[in-house]
Protein backbone atom coordinates (compact mmCIF):
# COMPACT_ATOMS: atom_id res chain seq x y z
CA MET A 1 -15.04 -52.90 176.23
CA THR A 2 -12.97 -54.88 178.59
CA LEU A 3 -10.65 -56.83 177.03
CA HIS A 4 -9.24 -60.21 179.06
CA LEU A 5 -6.25 -62.18 177.80
CA TYR A 6 -5.57 -65.13 179.60
CA GLY A 7 -2.21 -67.14 178.40
CA HIS A 8 1.21 -67.70 180.19
CA PRO A 9 4.77 -66.68 178.19
CA ASP A 10 5.97 -70.52 177.38
CA SER A 11 2.73 -71.14 174.34
CA GLY A 12 3.62 -68.88 171.31
CA HIS A 13 -0.11 -68.59 170.51
CA ALA A 14 -0.61 -66.46 173.61
CA CYS A 15 2.33 -64.24 172.65
CA LYS A 16 1.32 -63.71 169.02
CA VAL A 17 -2.45 -62.06 170.64
CA ALA A 18 -0.51 -59.47 174.14
CA LEU A 19 2.08 -58.52 170.96
CA ALA A 20 -0.85 -57.64 169.41
CA LEU A 21 -3.25 -56.03 172.57
CA SER A 22 0.16 -53.97 172.71
CA LEU A 23 0.73 -53.03 169.21
CA ALA A 24 -2.94 -51.86 168.82
CA GLY A 25 -2.48 -49.84 171.98
CA LEU A 26 -5.48 -51.84 173.49
CA ASP A 27 -6.57 -51.53 177.25
CA HIS A 28 -6.51 -54.96 178.85
CA THR A 29 -6.18 -57.29 181.66
CA VAL A 30 -4.48 -60.72 181.62
CA THR A 31 -4.67 -63.59 183.83
CA ARG A 32 -1.63 -65.99 183.81
CA ILE A 33 -2.64 -69.69 182.91
CA ASP A 34 -0.37 -72.03 184.52
CA ILE A 35 -0.03 -74.57 180.99
CA TRP A 36 2.09 -76.68 183.20
CA ALA A 37 -0.97 -78.36 185.45
CA ALA A 38 -3.22 -80.58 184.81
CA PRO A 39 -5.90 -79.38 181.97
CA GLU A 40 -8.70 -80.05 185.16
CA SER A 41 -6.75 -78.20 187.62
CA ARG A 42 -6.87 -75.13 185.37
CA PRO A 43 -9.09 -71.85 187.04
CA ALA A 44 -12.68 -72.77 186.70
CA ALA A 45 -13.09 -68.58 184.97
CA PHE A 46 -10.42 -70.36 183.22
CA LEU A 47 -11.85 -73.67 181.36
CA LYS A 48 -15.46 -71.90 180.55
CA VAL A 49 -14.48 -69.34 178.09
CA SER A 50 -11.75 -71.54 177.16
CA PRO A 51 -13.65 -75.07 175.35
CA LEU A 52 -10.37 -77.31 174.75
CA ALA A 53 -8.63 -75.94 178.62
CA GLU A 54 -6.53 -73.87 175.93
CA VAL A 55 -4.07 -70.59 175.98
CA PRO A 56 -5.11 -68.05 174.37
CA ALA A 57 -8.60 -66.90 174.52
CA LEU A 58 -9.72 -64.10 175.46
CA LEU A 59 -12.92 -62.03 176.39
CA MET A 60 -14.37 -59.29 174.46
CA ASP A 61 -16.89 -58.17 177.18
CA GLU A 62 -19.01 -61.53 177.28
CA ALA A 63 -17.51 -62.99 174.21
CA ALA A 64 -15.05 -65.67 174.41
CA ILE A 65 -12.53 -66.10 171.63
CA PHE A 66 -10.04 -69.15 171.37
CA GLN A 67 -7.78 -69.38 169.26
CA SER A 68 -4.75 -67.24 168.68
CA GLY A 69 -5.61 -66.70 164.64
CA ALA A 70 -9.46 -66.27 164.94
CA ILE A 71 -8.34 -63.74 167.50
CA LEU A 72 -6.20 -61.22 166.05
CA MET A 73 -8.48 -61.40 163.30
CA GLU A 74 -11.41 -60.37 165.48
CA LEU A 75 -9.40 -57.42 166.82
CA ALA A 76 -8.59 -56.20 163.66
CA GLN A 77 -11.69 -56.44 162.14
CA THR A 78 -13.16 -55.18 165.44
CA PHE A 79 -10.67 -52.21 166.73
CA SER A 80 -9.34 -51.92 162.45
CA VAL A 81 -5.95 -51.86 163.64
CA LEU A 82 -3.11 -53.94 162.60
CA ASP A 83 -4.09 -53.85 159.13
CA GLY A 84 -7.75 -54.98 159.70
CA ASP A 85 -9.22 -51.23 158.24
CA SER A 86 -9.36 -52.56 154.83
CA VAL A 87 -9.86 -55.75 152.93
CA GLU A 88 -7.07 -56.10 151.52
CA GLY A 89 -5.50 -55.53 155.08
CA ARG A 90 -7.84 -57.95 156.48
CA ARG A 91 -6.96 -60.60 152.94
CA ARG A 92 -3.45 -59.88 153.73
CA GLY A 93 -3.97 -60.43 157.59
CA ARG A 94 -5.75 -64.05 157.46
CA GLU A 95 -3.45 -65.68 154.22
CA LEU A 96 -0.05 -64.30 156.39
CA LEU A 97 -2.18 -66.86 159.81
CA MET A 98 -2.81 -69.56 157.63
CA TRP A 99 0.37 -69.83 156.20
CA GLU A 100 2.13 -69.40 159.96
CA ALA A 101 -0.27 -72.33 161.57
CA ASN A 102 0.50 -74.58 158.73
CA ARG A 103 3.52 -74.09 157.49
CA ILE A 104 6.45 -72.67 159.94
CA GLY A 105 4.32 -72.13 163.32
CA MET A 106 3.53 -75.62 163.04
CA CYS A 107 7.35 -76.86 163.08
CA LEU A 108 9.21 -73.90 165.18
CA PRO A 109 6.88 -75.56 168.38
CA GLN A 110 8.49 -78.98 168.17
CA LEU A 111 11.36 -78.01 167.24
CA LYS A 112 11.88 -75.69 170.76
CA GLU A 113 9.66 -78.65 173.10
CA ALA A 114 11.98 -81.20 171.34
CA HIS A 115 15.14 -79.13 173.41
CA ARG A 116 13.39 -77.65 176.28
CA GLU A 117 14.79 -79.31 178.72
CA GLY A 118 12.98 -82.17 180.49
CA SER A 119 11.84 -83.59 177.28
CA ALA A 120 11.29 -86.45 176.00
CA GLY A 121 12.25 -85.57 172.47
CA LEU A 122 11.74 -86.30 168.76
CA PRO A 123 13.48 -89.49 167.06
CA PRO A 124 16.13 -88.44 165.36
CA GLU A 125 13.96 -88.61 161.33
CA VAL A 126 11.47 -86.66 163.10
CA ILE A 127 13.86 -83.93 163.83
CA GLY A 128 14.94 -84.64 160.42
CA TRP A 129 11.60 -83.98 159.11
CA LEU A 130 10.98 -81.22 160.90
CA GLU A 131 13.90 -78.88 160.15
CA ALA A 132 13.73 -80.07 156.06
CA ARG A 133 9.91 -78.65 156.50
CA TYR A 134 12.10 -74.69 157.80
CA THR A 135 14.26 -75.09 155.48
CA VAL A 136 11.60 -74.76 152.75
CA ASP A 137 9.76 -72.23 155.40
CA CYS A 138 12.82 -69.84 155.12
CA VAL A 139 12.35 -69.21 151.27
CA ASN A 140 9.29 -68.85 151.59
CA PHE A 141 9.77 -66.15 154.76
CA GLY A 142 11.48 -63.96 152.65
CA ARG A 143 9.24 -64.35 149.87
CA LEU A 144 6.26 -63.44 152.05
CA LEU A 145 8.29 -60.44 153.23
CA GLY A 146 9.37 -58.45 150.43
CA ASP A 147 11.06 -55.72 150.75
CA GLY A 148 9.07 -54.21 153.09
CA PRO A 149 10.61 -54.20 156.80
CA PHE A 150 6.93 -55.40 157.89
CA PHE A 151 4.56 -57.99 156.65
CA HIS A 152 2.60 -55.74 156.05
CA GLY A 153 4.68 -53.27 154.78
CA GLU A 154 5.91 -49.91 156.45
CA ALA A 155 4.01 -50.62 159.68
CA PRO A 156 3.49 -54.48 161.69
CA GLY A 157 -0.08 -56.57 161.26
CA VAL A 158 -1.96 -59.28 162.83
CA GLY A 159 0.57 -61.61 160.20
CA ASP A 160 3.39 -60.66 161.86
CA CYS A 161 1.70 -61.31 165.56
CA ALA A 162 1.63 -64.42 163.92
CA ILE A 163 5.21 -64.67 162.79
CA TRP A 164 6.36 -64.17 165.84
CA GLY A 165 4.81 -66.23 168.14
CA TYR A 166 7.36 -68.54 167.73
CA THR A 167 10.59 -67.27 165.63
CA GLN A 168 10.90 -65.18 168.88
CA TRP A 169 12.58 -68.40 169.77
CA ILE A 170 14.62 -69.54 167.12
CA ALA A 171 18.08 -70.10 169.15
CA GLU A 172 15.69 -72.39 171.38
CA ALA A 173 13.94 -74.03 168.59
CA GLY A 174 18.23 -75.66 167.57
CA VAL A 175 18.24 -73.96 164.50
CA GLU A 176 19.22 -70.54 162.66
CA PRO A 177 17.28 -67.49 161.42
CA THR A 178 17.98 -66.27 156.99
CA ASP A 179 19.32 -63.28 157.41
CA VAL A 180 15.52 -61.62 155.73
CA MET A 181 14.74 -63.67 158.88
CA ALA A 182 16.92 -62.08 160.94
CA LYS A 183 15.97 -58.40 160.53
CA TRP A 184 12.89 -58.44 160.44
CA ILE A 185 12.91 -59.81 164.76
CA ALA A 186 15.26 -56.80 164.95
CA ASN A 187 12.19 -55.13 163.35
CA MET A 188 10.45 -56.64 165.74
CA ARG A 189 11.65 -55.69 168.86
CA GLY A 190 12.66 -52.07 168.48
CA LEU A 191 8.43 -52.33 168.23
CA ASP A 192 7.06 -49.60 171.19
CA GLY A 193 4.74 -52.24 172.24
CA MET A 194 7.35 -55.19 171.85
CA LYS A 195 7.77 -57.14 175.20
CA THR A 196 9.25 -60.28 176.74
CA PRO A 197 6.84 -62.58 177.35
CA GLU A 198 7.14 -62.26 181.01
CA GLY A 199 6.30 -59.41 180.27
CA PHE A 200 3.35 -59.74 178.63
CA PHE A 201 2.28 -62.19 181.46
CA PRO A 202 4.12 -61.26 184.18
CA ALA A 203 3.87 -63.90 187.78
């Protein structure tokens, strides 16, 4: 099966999928899409497989899949990787993906963008609301992680890949990690398949 990923290093969602492919050892090719360009100016081949003109999008042979969570679960189930080789592992992956998308994966991108140079920013009350959500997310991060090095136990799974997407940019979001989070981040950075965002999507 041929795998081709469309993404950009500034997209935490694309980084989730690139990391999963790397950790799983799945051969793939990559096309870097300029997400700062107008959607209609993006390559026709990309627009054909990404109905919302967003990254990531993954071609698995001729099947196009978009939305990072859907791609992660497809990879786990199709290739039995990243804890996708059991019913329990796939269930754990779905739970973590839903939590990430609705909680920490919602506030961190907004905070990162608000602090980006050249950004229009956000009103102070919105920043305060997002930071309050992040505080709650930090507590639940520790509860979900438990005593293991990764969210899936002794080895990372799709849930770890999803949560990594924007926690890699904690500093850029203007917030601090908890001790538990910092230890997990260090564990993730130490993985053999880990790369920088630019490493995943070179120019």
